[in-house]
Amino acid sequence: GGPMSTAYEHNVSCSWRDLRFIDKNQNSEIDLLESLIATLAANCYFDDHRVIDELLDRVERLMSQRFTKEEEKMCENRYPLLQAHANDHQLALRRFMGAHQRWKRDRDPIQMRRFLERDYCDWYAMHLHYHDNPAHRYSPVMIN
């Protein structure tokens, strides 16, 4: 769409706020993501990348550790849909790492924000709905 849609794209913040109520376990991770998005918004005006680099590293590490823990529990519980669930985790990690690499190369705060507010937020919401909820119904202990 025209100039309106691009302005709209930059200003619309994703529904991390909504996801926070659905997924209380992950609130510290969501806090990190929200401070990352806020820092990227501010970073349009100053060029200190270290803070963002550090936050990205922390989010990636948390995410990876959480996925591993979840998958181990699913394995212990012989969860029948483990493979599809783990594949969706890998998809998210690959996308996140790709966006992280692009950030290191281009240092483009708008591109990174768009990824976090849109692509990653959408993945997260879909993953909760299609993967975490059924897993939780199968056995609440599997989703920390």
C-alpha atoms as a PDB file:
ATOM      1  CA  GLY A   1       0.000   0.000   0.000  1.00  0.00           C
ATOM      2  CA  GLY A   2       0.904   3.692  -0.214  1.00  0.00           C
ATOM      3  CA  PRO A   3       2.686   5.992   2.277  1.00  0.00           C
ATOM      4  CA  MET A   4      -0.035   5.529   4.902  1.00  0.00           C
ATOM      5  CA  SER A   5       0.585   1.818   5.226  1.00  0.00           C
ATOM      6  CA  THR A   6       4.321   2.263   5.830  1.00  0.00           C
ATOM      7  CA  ALA A   7       3.701   4.818   8.581  1.00  0.00           C
ATOM      8  CA  TYR A   8       1.184   2.390  10.007  1.00  0.00           C
ATOM      9  CA  GLU A   9       3.702  -0.460   9.812  1.00  0.00           C
ATOM     10  CA  HIS A  10       6.280   1.421  11.857  1.00  0.00           C
ATOM     11  CA  ASN A  11       3.938   2.574  14.581  1.00  0.00           C
ATOM     12  CA  VAL A  12       1.838  -0.446  15.270  1.00  0.00           C
ATOM     13  CA  SER A  13       3.243  -2.315  18.171  1.00  0.00           C
ATOM     14  CA  CYS A  14       2.545  -6.011  18.255  1.00  0.00           C
ATOM     15  CA  SER A  15       0.346  -7.700  20.805  1.00  0.00           C
ATOM     16  CA  TRP A  16       3.134  -8.706  23.180  1.00  0.00           C
ATOM     17  CA  ARG A  17       1.008  -7.007  25.825  1.00  0.00           C
ATOM     18  CA  ASP A  18      -1.853  -9.404  25.092  1.00  0.00           C
ATOM     19  CA  LEU A  19       0.432 -12.436  24.986  1.00  0.00           C
ATOM     20  CA  ARG A  20       1.727 -11.508  28.431  1.00  0.00           C
ATOM     21  CA  PHE A  21      -1.688 -12.315  29.936  1.00  0.00           C
ATOM     22  CA  ILE A  22      -2.022 -15.598  28.099  1.00  0.00           C
ATOM     23  CA  ASP A  23       1.479 -16.823  28.797  1.00  0.00           C
ATOM     24  CA  LYS A  24       2.370 -15.791  32.335  1.00  0.00           C
ATOM     25  CA  ASN A  25       5.338 -18.187  32.530  1.00  0.00           C
ATOM     26  CA  GLN A  26       7.175 -16.321  29.828  1.00  0.00           C
ATOM     27  CA  ASN A  27       6.718 -12.831  31.271  1.00  0.00           C
ATOM     28  CA  SER A  28      10.428 -12.277  31.932  1.00  0.00           C
ATOM     29  CA  GLU A  29      11.169 -13.178  28.312  1.00  0.00           C
ATOM     30  CA  ILE A  30       8.375 -10.896  27.124  1.00  0.00           C
ATOM     31  CA  ASP A  31       9.751  -8.108  29.382  1.00  0.00           C
ATOM     32  CA  LEU A  32      13.098  -8.513  27.621  1.00  0.00           C
ATOM     33  CA  LEU A  33      11.461  -8.398  24.195  1.00  0.00           C
ATOM     34  CA  GLU A  34       9.514  -5.267  25.096  1.00  0.00           C
ATOM     35  CA  SER A  35      12.601  -3.478  26.404  1.00  0.00           C
ATOM     36  CA  LEU A  36      14.423  -4.582  23.241  1.00  0.00           C
ATOM     37  CA  ILE A  37      11.665  -3.063  21.079  1.00  0.00           C
ATOM     38  CA  ALA A  38      11.694   0.154  23.137  1.00  0.00           C
ATOM     39  CA  THR A  39      15.491   0.375  22.884  1.00  0.00           C
ATOM     40  CA  LEU A  40      15.337  -0.156  19.127  1.00  0.00           C
ATOM     41  CA  ALA A  41      12.766   2.646  18.882  1.00  0.00           C
ATOM     42  CA  ALA A  42      15.109   4.965  20.795  1.00  0.00           C
ATOM     43  CA  ASN A  43      18.077   3.727  18.777  1.00  0.00           C
ATOM     44  CA  CYS A  44      16.767   5.556  15.727  1.00  0.00           C
ATOM     45  CA  TYR A  45      18.268   8.617  17.410  1.00  0.00           C
ATOM     46  CA  PHE A  46      21.522   7.356  18.848  1.00  0.00           C
ATOM     47  CA  ASP A  47      24.032   4.774  17.741  1.00  0.00           C
ATOM     48  CA  ASP A  48      24.931   2.662  20.726  1.00  0.00           C
ATOM     49  CA  HIS A  49      24.466  -0.897  19.528  1.00  0.00           C
ATOM     50  CA  ARG A  50      25.947  -2.670  22.535  1.00  0.00           C
ATOM     51  CA  VAL A  51      22.733  -2.536  24.570  1.00  0.00           C
ATOM     52  CA  ILE A  52      20.757  -4.058  21.709  1.00  0.00           C
ATOM     53  CA  ASP A  53      23.420  -6.684  20.997  1.00  0.00           C
ATOM     54  CA  GLU A  54      23.334  -7.715  24.632  1.00  0.00           C
ATOM     55  CA  LEU A  55      19.517  -7.891  24.754  1.00  0.00           C
ATOM     56  CA  LEU A  56      19.394  -9.922  21.529  1.00  0.00           C
ATOM     57  CA  ASP A  57      21.939 -12.375  22.932  1.00  0.00           C
ATOM     58  CA  ARG A  58      19.924 -12.742  26.130  1.00  0.00           C
ATOM     59  CA  VAL A  59      16.604 -13.294  24.332  1.00  0.00           C
ATOM     60  CA  GLU A  60      18.168 -15.864  22.013  1.00  0.00           C
ATOM     61  CA  ARG A  61      19.764 -17.706  24.924  1.00  0.00           C
ATOM     62  CA  LEU A  62      16.553 -17.725  27.006  1.00  0.00           C
ATOM     63  CA  MET A  63      14.519 -18.886  24.055  1.00  0.00           C
ATOM     64  CA  SER A  64      16.885 -21.709  23.244  1.00  0.00           C
ATOM     65  CA  GLN A  65      17.056 -22.883  26.873  1.00  0.00           C
ATOM     66  CA  ARG A  66      13.277 -22.762  27.231  1.00  0.00           C
ATOM     67  CA  PHE A  67      12.724 -24.779  24.045  1.00  0.00           C
ATOM     68  CA  THR A  68      15.244 -27.413  25.164  1.00  0.00           C
ATOM     69  CA  LYS A  69      13.628 -27.724  28.602  1.00  0.00           C
ATOM     70  CA  GLU A  70      10.151 -28.035  27.098  1.00  0.00           C
ATOM     71  CA  GLU A  71      11.260 -30.676  24.621  1.00  0.00           C
ATOM     72  CA  GLU A  72      12.987 -32.707  27.345  1.00  0.00           C
ATOM     73  CA  LYS A  73       9.775 -32.729  29.391  1.00  0.00           C
ATOM     74  CA  MET A  74       7.783 -33.763  26.336  1.00  0.00           C
ATOM     75  CA  CYS A  75      10.188 -36.568  25.723  1.00  0.00           C
ATOM     76  CA  GLU A  76       9.882 -37.792  29.326  1.00  0.00           C
ATOM     77  CA  ASN A  77       6.081 -37.663  29.015  1.00  0.00           C
ATOM     78  CA  ARG A  78       6.182 -39.474  25.663  1.00  0.00           C
ATOM     79  CA  TYR A  79       4.219 -36.660  24.076  1.00  0.00           C
ATOM     80  CA  PRO A  80       3.002 -37.909  20.680  1.00  0.00           C
ATOM     81  CA  LEU A  81       3.280 -34.506  18.975  1.00  0.00           C
ATOM     82  CA  LEU A  82       6.830 -33.804  20.155  1.00  0.00           C
ATOM     83  CA  GLN A  83       8.410 -33.800  16.674  1.00  0.00           C
ATOM     84  CA  ALA A  84       6.038 -31.219  15.202  1.00  0.00           C
ATOM     85  CA  HIS A  85       6.406 -29.089  18.333  1.00  0.00           C
ATOM     86  CA  ALA A  86      10.214 -29.244  18.250  1.00  0.00           C
ATOM     87  CA  ASN A  87      10.183 -28.425  14.516  1.00  0.00           C
ATOM     88  CA  ASP A  88       8.195 -25.277  15.250  1.00  0.00           C
ATOM     89  CA  HIS A  89      10.746 -24.307  17.915  1.00  0.00           C
ATOM     90  CA  GLN A  90      13.561 -24.777  15.379  1.00  0.00           C
ATOM     91  CA  LEU A  91      11.718 -22.619  12.875  1.00  0.00           C
ATOM     92  CA  ALA A  92      11.475 -19.782  15.409  1.00  0.00           C
ATOM     93  CA  LEU A  93      15.125 -20.105  16.418  1.00  0.00           C
ATOM     94  CA  ARG A  94      16.284 -20.089  12.787  1.00  0.00           C
ATOM     95  CA  ARG A  95      14.208 -17.001  12.059  1.00  0.00           C
ATOM     96  CA  PHE A  96      15.384 -15.229  15.195  1.00  0.00           C
ATOM     97  CA  MET A  97      19.030 -16.028  14.477  1.00  0.00           C
ATOM     98  CA  GLY A  98      18.580 -14.858  10.889  1.00  0.00           C
ATOM     99  CA  ALA A  99      17.156 -11.533  12.068  1.00  0.00           C
ATOM    100  CA  HIS A 100      19.997 -11.284  14.602  1.00  0.00           C
ATOM    101  CA  GLN A 101      22.602 -11.796  11.842  1.00  0.00           C
ATOM    102  CA  ARG A 102      20.885  -9.177   9.650  1.00  0.00           C
ATOM    103  CA  TRP A 103      20.985  -6.760  12.593  1.00  0.00           C
ATOM    104  CA  LYS A 104      24.739  -7.332  13.023  1.00  0.00           C
ATOM    105  CA  ARG A 105      25.269  -6.728   9.312  1.00  0.00           C
ATOM    106  CA  ASP A 106      22.896  -3.803   8.650  1.00  0.00           C
ATOM    107  CA  ARG A 107      22.296  -2.270  12.099  1.00  0.00           C
ATOM    108  CA  ASP A 108      18.809  -1.376  10.927  1.00  0.00           C
ATOM    109  CA  PRO A 109      16.589  -0.746  13.975  1.00  0.00           C
ATOM    110  CA  ILE A 110      13.393  -0.461  11.924  1.00  0.00           C
ATOM    111  CA  GLN A 111      13.957  -3.807  10.225  1.00  0.00           C
ATOM    112  CA  MET A 112      14.727  -5.480  13.546  1.00  0.00           C
ATOM    113  CA  ARG A 113      11.691  -3.952  15.231  1.00  0.00           C
ATOM    114  CA  ARG A 114       9.471  -5.050  12.383  1.00  0.00           C
ATOM    115  CA  PHE A 115      10.722  -8.603  12.809  1.00  0.00           C
ATOM    116  CA  LEU A 116      10.095  -8.592  16.590  1.00  0.00           C
ATOM    117  CA  GLU A 117       6.719  -6.853  16.474  1.00  0.00           C
ATOM    118  CA  ARG A 118       5.412  -8.743  13.515  1.00  0.00           C
ATOM    119  CA  ASP A 119       7.063 -11.988  12.444  1.00  0.00           C
ATOM    120  CA  TYR A 120       8.218 -13.169  15.830  1.00  0.00           C
ATOM    121  CA  CYS A 121       5.107 -11.989  17.664  1.00  0.00           C
ATOM    122  CA  ASP A 122       2.891 -13.746  15.091  1.00  0.00           C
ATOM    123  CA  TRP A 123       4.928 -16.937  15.387  1.00  0.00           C
ATOM    124  CA  TYR A 124       4.679 -16.780  19.189  1.00  0.00           C
ATOM    125  CA  ALA A 125       0.887 -16.347  19.149  1.00  0.00           C
ATOM    126  CA  MET A 126       0.463 -19.203  16.653  1.00  0.00           C
ATOM    127  CA  HIS A 127       2.826 -21.451  18.592  1.00  0.00           C
ATOM    128  CA  LEU A 128       0.892 -20.864  21.818  1.00  0.00           C
ATOM    129  CA  HIS A 129      -2.362 -21.635  20.113  1.00  0.00           C
ATOM    130  CA  TYR A 130      -1.448 -24.648  17.979  1.00  0.00           C
ATOM    131  CA  HIS A 131       1.408 -26.194  19.940  1.00  0.00           C
ATOM    132  CA  ASP A 132       1.580 -25.120  23.586  1.00  0.00           C
ATOM    133  CA  ASN A 133      -2.146 -25.335  24.310  1.00  0.00           C
ATOM    134  CA  PRO A 134      -2.565 -28.938  23.074  1.00  0.00           C
ATOM    135  CA  ALA A 135       0.645 -29.916  24.892  1.00  0.00           C
ATOM    136  CA  HIS A 136      -0.658 -28.306  28.052  1.00  0.00           C
ATOM    137  CA  ARG A 137      -3.948 -30.188  27.745  1.00  0.00           C
ATOM    138  CA  TYR A 138      -2.017 -33.421  27.291  1.00  0.00           C
ATOM    139  CA  SER A 139       0.051 -32.743  30.393  1.00  0.00           C
ATOM    140  CA  PRO A 140       0.321 -29.390  32.204  1.00  0.00           C
ATOM    141  CA  VAL A 141       3.828 -30.184  33.500  1.00  0.00           C
ATOM    142  CA  MET A 142       5.330 -30.107  30.003  1.00  0.00           C
ATOM    143  CA  ILE A 143       4.918 -26.400  29.409  1.00  0.00           C
ATOM    144  CA  ASN A 144       6.844 -24.748  32.219  1.00  0.00           C
END
